[in-house]
Amino acid sequence: MTVSRGDVVLLNYPFSSGRGTKVRPALIVQADKNNSRLTNTIVAMITRTTQRAKQEPTQYLLDPATPEGNAAGVLHLSAITCENLLTVEQQLLFRKIGSLPAASMQQINDCLKATLEIS
């Protein structure tokens, strides 16, 4: 599957303990230049745990009732957790379910900067 930065995909996301996985959506955050030349991509986890999304600068709240949430293809109020990144082989991605618009990706950039303490 060809992926682009901003795509929302489904994959078996591993638990941090390494003991299992769960099919969940994730956001492609890797640069398109690397998506086209590498077999791996970097994703940020999307979760239905949203309590901290309004306070944490590392998280982006995604509501399916908004145009952004609808375009992303999420079914529930969700948080993109930019502090939870994973490098995964592109062939392990199940399918694309949507994509975030450019304005939302600018906010994701801010979340990634906060995660990595980049100014």
N, C-alpha and C. Protein backbone atom coordinates (compact mmCIF):
# COMPACT_ATOMS: atom_id res chain seq x y z
N MET A 1 0.84 -1.18 0.00
CA MET A 1 0.00 0.00 0.00
C MET A 1 0.89 1.24 0.00
N THR A 2 0.55 2.20 -0.81
CA THR A 2 1.24 3.48 -0.82
C THR A 2 0.61 4.37 0.24
N VAL A 3 1.46 4.97 1.08
CA VAL A 3 0.94 5.84 2.14
C VAL A 3 1.53 7.24 2.00
N SER A 4 0.78 8.20 2.52
CA SER A 4 1.22 9.60 2.52
C SER A 4 1.08 10.16 3.92
N ARG A 5 1.89 11.15 4.22
CA ARG A 5 1.80 11.83 5.51
C ARG A 5 0.39 12.40 5.65
N GLY A 6 -0.23 12.14 6.79
CA GLY A 6 -1.60 12.58 7.03
C GLY A 6 -2.64 11.50 6.83
N ASP A 7 -2.26 10.38 6.22
CA ASP A 7 -3.21 9.27 6.06
C ASP A 7 -3.51 8.64 7.42
N VAL A 8 -4.74 8.23 7.59
CA VAL A 8 -5.13 7.45 8.76
C VAL A 8 -5.33 6.02 8.28
N VAL A 9 -4.60 5.10 8.92
CA VAL A 9 -4.59 3.70 8.51
C VAL A 9 -4.97 2.81 9.68
N LEU A 10 -5.33 1.57 9.37
CA LEU A 10 -5.55 0.56 10.39
C LEU A 10 -4.37 -0.38 10.42
N LEU A 11 -3.96 -0.77 11.62
CA LEU A 11 -2.87 -1.73 11.77
C LEU A 11 -2.98 -2.42 13.12
N ASN A 12 -2.27 -3.52 13.27
CA ASN A 12 -2.14 -4.20 14.55
C ASN A 12 -1.10 -3.43 15.35
N TYR A 13 -1.55 -2.56 16.23
CA TYR A 13 -0.65 -1.72 17.02
C TYR A 13 -0.23 -2.51 18.26
N PRO A 14 1.08 -2.68 18.48
CA PRO A 14 1.52 -3.48 19.64
C PRO A 14 1.31 -2.74 20.96
N PHE A 15 1.00 -3.51 22.01
CA PHE A 15 0.94 -2.95 23.35
C PHE A 15 2.36 -2.60 23.77
N SER A 16 2.52 -1.60 24.62
CA SER A 16 3.86 -1.16 25.04
C SER A 16 4.61 -2.27 25.77
N SER A 17 3.91 -3.22 26.35
CA SER A 17 4.56 -4.35 27.03
C SER A 17 5.16 -5.34 26.04
N GLY A 18 4.74 -5.23 24.78
CA GLY A 18 5.20 -6.17 23.77
C GLY A 18 4.42 -7.47 23.79
N ARG A 19 3.40 -7.57 24.62
CA ARG A 19 2.62 -8.80 24.78
C ARG A 19 1.27 -8.68 24.11
N GLY A 20 1.26 -8.58 22.83
CA GLY A 20 0.01 -8.54 22.10
C GLY A 20 -0.15 -7.27 21.29
N THR A 21 -1.22 -7.27 20.53
CA THR A 21 -1.54 -6.14 19.65
C THR A 21 -3.04 -5.90 19.66
N LYS A 22 -3.41 -4.76 19.11
CA LYS A 22 -4.82 -4.43 18.97
C LYS A 22 -4.98 -3.69 17.64
N VAL A 23 -5.97 -4.07 16.85
CA VAL A 23 -6.24 -3.35 15.61
C VAL A 23 -6.78 -1.98 15.99
N ARG A 24 -6.11 -0.96 15.52
CA ARG A 24 -6.52 0.42 15.83
C ARG A 24 -6.06 1.33 14.70
N PRO A 25 -6.65 2.52 14.64
CA PRO A 25 -6.19 3.49 13.66
C PRO A 25 -4.90 4.16 14.12
N ALA A 26 -4.15 4.63 13.15
CA ALA A 26 -2.91 5.37 13.42
C ALA A 26 -2.73 6.39 12.30
N LEU A 27 -2.02 7.45 12.63
CA LEU A 27 -1.77 8.54 11.68
C LEU A 27 -0.35 8.43 11.14
N ILE A 28 -0.21 8.46 9.83
CA ILE A 28 1.13 8.47 9.22
C ILE A 28 1.73 9.86 9.45
N VAL A 29 2.88 9.91 10.15
CA VAL A 29 3.54 11.20 10.43
C VAL A 29 4.89 11.32 9.72
N GLN A 30 5.34 10.26 9.10
CA GLN A 30 6.62 10.30 8.39
C GLN A 30 6.52 11.12 7.11
N ALA A 31 7.59 11.78 6.74
CA ALA A 31 7.64 12.59 5.53
C ALA A 31 7.41 11.73 4.28
N ASP A 32 6.70 12.30 3.32
CA ASP A 32 6.40 11.55 2.09
C ASP A 32 7.66 11.10 1.35
N LYS A 33 8.71 11.89 1.40
CA LYS A 33 9.96 11.49 0.75
C LYS A 33 10.43 10.14 1.30
N ASN A 34 10.34 9.97 2.61
CA ASN A 34 10.74 8.70 3.21
C ASN A 34 9.69 7.61 3.01
N ASN A 35 8.43 7.99 2.96
CA ASN A 35 7.39 6.98 2.70
C ASN A 35 7.57 6.33 1.34
N SER A 36 8.07 7.08 0.37
CA SER A 36 8.23 6.53 -0.98
C SER A 36 9.53 5.75 -1.15
N ARG A 37 10.55 6.05 -0.34
CA ARG A 37 11.84 5.38 -0.56
C ARG A 37 12.15 4.29 0.46
N LEU A 38 11.42 4.25 1.57
CA LEU A 38 11.67 3.25 2.61
C LEU A 38 10.51 2.26 2.68
N THR A 39 10.77 1.09 3.23
CA THR A 39 9.70 0.11 3.41
C THR A 39 8.97 0.30 4.74
N ASN A 40 9.53 1.11 5.64
CA ASN A 40 8.91 1.41 6.93
C ASN A 40 8.28 2.79 6.90
N THR A 41 7.38 3.03 7.84
CA THR A 41 6.82 4.36 8.04
C THR A 41 6.65 4.59 9.54
N ILE A 42 6.54 5.84 9.92
CA ILE A 42 6.34 6.20 11.33
C ILE A 42 4.89 6.65 11.50
N VAL A 43 4.24 6.08 12.54
CA VAL A 43 2.85 6.41 12.81
C VAL A 43 2.68 6.88 14.25
N ALA A 44 1.62 7.64 14.48
CA ALA A 44 1.20 8.04 15.82
C ALA A 44 -0.10 7.31 16.13
N MET A 45 -0.19 6.78 17.34
CA MET A 45 -1.36 6.01 17.75
C MET A 45 -2.59 6.90 17.89
N ILE A 46 -3.73 6.36 17.51
CA ILE A 46 -5.02 7.01 17.73
C ILE A 46 -5.79 6.15 18.72
N THR A 47 -6.30 6.78 19.76
CA THR A 47 -6.98 6.06 20.85
C THR A 47 -8.29 6.73 21.20
N ARG A 48 -9.19 5.96 21.82
CA ARG A 48 -10.45 6.53 22.31
C ARG A 48 -10.29 7.12 23.71
N THR A 49 -9.12 6.98 24.29
CA THR A 49 -8.83 7.58 25.59
C THR A 49 -8.49 9.05 25.35
N THR A 50 -9.42 9.93 25.69
CA THR A 50 -9.29 11.34 25.30
C THR A 50 -9.18 12.30 26.48
N GLN A 51 -9.13 11.80 27.72
CA GLN A 51 -9.16 12.68 28.89
C GLN A 51 -8.07 13.74 28.86
N ARG A 52 -6.87 13.38 28.43
CA ARG A 52 -5.75 14.33 28.47
C ARG A 52 -5.58 15.14 27.18
N ALA A 53 -6.38 14.84 26.17
CA ALA A 53 -6.16 15.47 24.87
C ALA A 53 -6.35 16.98 24.88
N LYS A 54 -7.21 17.49 25.76
CA LYS A 54 -7.44 18.94 25.80
C LYS A 54 -6.35 19.67 26.57
N GLN A 55 -5.60 18.97 27.44
CA GLN A 55 -4.56 19.62 28.24
C GLN A 55 -3.15 19.35 27.74
N GLU A 56 -2.94 18.20 27.13
CA GLU A 56 -1.59 17.80 26.72
C GLU A 56 -1.23 18.42 25.36
N PRO A 57 -0.10 19.10 25.27
CA PRO A 57 0.31 19.65 23.98
C PRO A 57 0.79 18.58 23.00
N THR A 58 0.91 17.34 23.49
CA THR A 58 1.38 16.24 22.64
C THR A 58 0.24 15.45 22.02
N GLN A 59 -1.01 15.87 22.31
CA GLN A 59 -2.17 15.14 21.81
C GLN A 59 -3.11 16.06 21.03
N TYR A 60 -3.77 15.46 20.05
CA TYR A 60 -4.71 16.19 19.19
C TYR A 60 -6.07 15.50 19.27
N LEU A 61 -7.08 16.25 19.67
CA LEU A 61 -8.43 15.71 19.80
C LEU A 61 -9.09 15.65 18.42
N LEU A 62 -9.69 14.51 18.12
CA LEU A 62 -10.29 14.27 16.82
C LEU A 62 -11.74 13.83 17.03
N ASP A 63 -12.67 14.67 16.59
CA ASP A 63 -14.10 14.41 16.79
C ASP A 63 -14.72 14.01 15.45
N PRO A 64 -15.36 12.84 15.37
CA PRO A 64 -15.95 12.40 14.10
C PRO A 64 -17.08 13.30 13.62
N ALA A 65 -17.62 14.16 14.51
CA ALA A 65 -18.70 15.07 14.12
C ALA A 65 -18.18 16.31 13.40
N THR A 66 -16.86 16.51 13.39
CA THR A 66 -16.26 17.66 12.69
C THR A 66 -15.82 17.24 11.29
N PRO A 67 -15.62 18.21 10.40
CA PRO A 67 -15.12 17.86 9.07
C PRO A 67 -13.77 17.12 9.13
N GLU A 68 -12.89 17.51 10.06
CA GLU A 68 -11.57 16.86 10.18
C GLU A 68 -11.72 15.40 10.62
N GLY A 69 -12.57 15.19 11.63
CA GLY A 69 -12.79 13.83 12.12
C GLY A 69 -13.45 12.95 11.08
N ASN A 70 -14.39 13.53 10.35
CA ASN A 70 -15.06 12.80 9.28
C ASN A 70 -14.06 12.41 8.19
N ALA A 71 -13.20 13.35 7.80
CA ALA A 71 -12.20 13.08 6.76
C ALA A 71 -11.20 12.02 7.22
N ALA A 72 -10.92 11.99 8.52
CA ALA A 72 -9.97 11.01 9.06
C ALA A 72 -10.55 9.61 9.11
N GLY A 73 -11.88 9.52 9.09
CA GLY A 73 -12.51 8.21 9.08
C GLY A 73 -12.68 7.58 10.45
N VAL A 74 -12.49 8.36 11.52
CA VAL A 74 -12.67 7.80 12.86
C VAL A 74 -14.16 7.71 13.19
N LEU A 75 -14.52 6.72 13.99
CA LEU A 75 -15.92 6.49 14.33
C LEU A 75 -16.30 7.05 15.70
N HIS A 76 -15.28 7.32 16.54
CA HIS A 76 -15.52 7.77 17.91
C HIS A 76 -14.63 8.97 18.20
N LEU A 77 -15.01 9.73 19.23
CA LEU A 77 -14.14 10.78 19.72
C LEU A 77 -12.80 10.13 20.06
N SER A 78 -11.71 10.66 19.53
CA SER A 78 -10.40 10.02 19.64
C SER A 78 -9.31 11.05 19.88
N ALA A 79 -8.16 10.57 20.30
CA ALA A 79 -6.98 11.41 20.47
C ALA A 79 -5.84 10.82 19.65
N ILE A 80 -5.18 11.68 18.92
CA ILE A 80 -3.93 11.28 18.26
C ILE A 80 -2.83 11.56 19.27
N THR A 81 -2.17 10.51 19.72
CA THR A 81 -1.18 10.64 20.78
C THR A 81 0.21 10.65 20.17
N CYS A 82 0.72 11.85 19.97
CA CYS A 82 2.01 12.00 19.30
C CYS A 82 3.18 11.59 20.18
N GLU A 83 2.92 11.30 21.46
CA GLU A 83 3.98 10.77 22.31
C GLU A 83 4.06 9.25 22.20
N ASN A 84 3.18 8.66 21.41
CA ASN A 84 3.17 7.21 21.21
C ASN A 84 3.40 6.94 19.72
N LEU A 85 4.67 6.89 19.34
CA LEU A 85 5.07 6.71 17.94
C LEU A 85 5.57 5.29 17.72
N LEU A 86 5.40 4.81 16.50
CA LEU A 86 5.81 3.45 16.14
C LEU A 86 6.35 3.47 14.72
N THR A 87 7.44 2.76 14.51
CA THR A 87 7.94 2.51 13.16
C THR A 87 7.44 1.13 12.76
N VAL A 88 6.78 1.06 11.62
CA VAL A 88 6.16 -0.20 11.19
C VAL A 88 6.41 -0.39 9.70
N GLU A 89 6.51 -1.66 9.29
CA GLU A 89 6.63 -1.96 7.86
C GLU A 89 5.32 -1.58 7.17
N GLN A 90 5.44 -0.91 6.05
CA GLN A 90 4.25 -0.47 5.34
C GLN A 90 3.37 -1.64 4.92
N GLN A 91 3.97 -2.79 4.66
CA GLN A 91 3.18 -3.95 4.23
C GLN A 91 2.28 -4.49 5.35
N LEU A 92 2.52 -4.08 6.59
CA LEU A 92 1.71 -4.54 7.71
C LEU A 92 0.47 -3.66 7.95
N LEU A 93 0.35 -2.57 7.20
CA LEU A 93 -0.83 -1.71 7.31
C LEU A 93 -1.98 -2.39 6.60
N PHE A 94 -3.15 -2.43 7.25
CA PHE A 94 -4.31 -3.11 6.66
C PHE A 94 -4.93 -2.30 5.53
N ARG A 95 -5.30 -1.07 5.86
CA ARG A 95 -5.94 -0.22 4.84
C ARG A 95 -6.00 1.22 5.32
N LYS A 96 -6.18 2.10 4.38
CA LYS A 96 -6.36 3.52 4.67
C LYS A 96 -7.84 3.75 4.93
N ILE A 97 -8.15 4.51 6.02
CA ILE A 97 -9.56 4.80 6.32
C ILE A 97 -9.89 6.28 6.15
N GLY A 98 -8.86 7.11 5.95
CA GLY A 98 -9.10 8.54 5.79
C GLY A 98 -7.79 9.31 5.80
N SER A 99 -7.90 10.61 5.90
CA SER A 99 -6.69 11.46 5.99
C SER A 99 -7.06 12.77 6.66
N LEU A 100 -6.05 13.36 7.29
CA LEU A 100 -6.25 14.66 7.95
C LEU A 100 -5.96 15.79 6.96
N PRO A 101 -6.73 16.87 7.02
CA PRO A 101 -6.44 18.02 6.17
C PRO A 101 -5.16 18.72 6.60
N ALA A 102 -4.62 19.54 5.72
CA ALA A 102 -3.34 20.22 5.96
C ALA A 102 -3.35 21.05 7.24
N ALA A 103 -4.45 21.74 7.53
CA ALA A 103 -4.51 22.57 8.74
C ALA A 103 -4.38 21.72 10.00
N SER A 104 -4.99 20.54 9.99
CA SER A 104 -4.87 19.64 11.14
C SER A 104 -3.45 19.09 11.25
N MET A 105 -2.82 18.85 10.11
CA MET A 105 -1.45 18.34 10.13
C MET A 105 -0.49 19.40 10.68
N GLN A 106 -0.81 20.68 10.50
CA GLN A 106 0.01 21.73 11.12
C GLN A 106 -0.07 21.63 12.64
N GLN A 107 -1.25 21.32 13.14
CA GLN A 107 -1.40 21.14 14.59
C GLN A 107 -0.69 19.86 15.06
N ILE A 108 -0.71 18.84 14.24
CA ILE A 108 0.04 17.61 14.55
C ILE A 108 1.53 17.93 14.62
N ASN A 109 2.01 18.79 13.72
CA ASN A 109 3.42 19.20 13.78
C ASN A 109 3.74 19.81 15.14
N ASP A 110 2.83 20.64 15.66
CA ASP A 110 3.03 21.24 16.98
C ASP A 110 3.06 20.18 18.07
N CYS A 111 2.20 19.18 17.95
CA CYS A 111 2.18 18.08 18.93
C CYS A 111 3.50 17.30 18.89
N LEU A 112 3.99 17.05 17.69
CA LEU A 112 5.26 16.33 17.55
C LEU A 112 6.42 17.14 18.11
N LYS A 113 6.39 18.45 17.87
CA LYS A 113 7.44 19.32 18.45
C LYS A 113 7.42 19.29 19.97
N ALA A 114 6.21 19.28 20.56
CA ALA A 114 6.09 19.21 22.01
C ALA A 114 6.60 17.86 22.52
N THR A 115 6.29 16.80 21.80
CA THR A 115 6.74 15.47 22.20
C THR A 115 8.26 15.38 22.22
N LEU A 116 8.89 15.96 21.20
CA LEU A 116 10.34 15.82 21.03
C LEU A 116 11.11 17.03 21.57
N GLU A 117 10.38 17.99 22.16
CA GLU A 117 10.95 19.24 22.68
C GLU A 117 11.80 19.94 21.62
N ILE A 118 11.18 20.09 20.45
CA ILE A 118 11.80 20.82 19.34
C ILE A 118 11.12 22.18 19.25
N SER A 119 11.89 23.25 19.17
CA SER A 119 11.26 24.57 19.09
C SER A 119 11.03 25.00 17.67
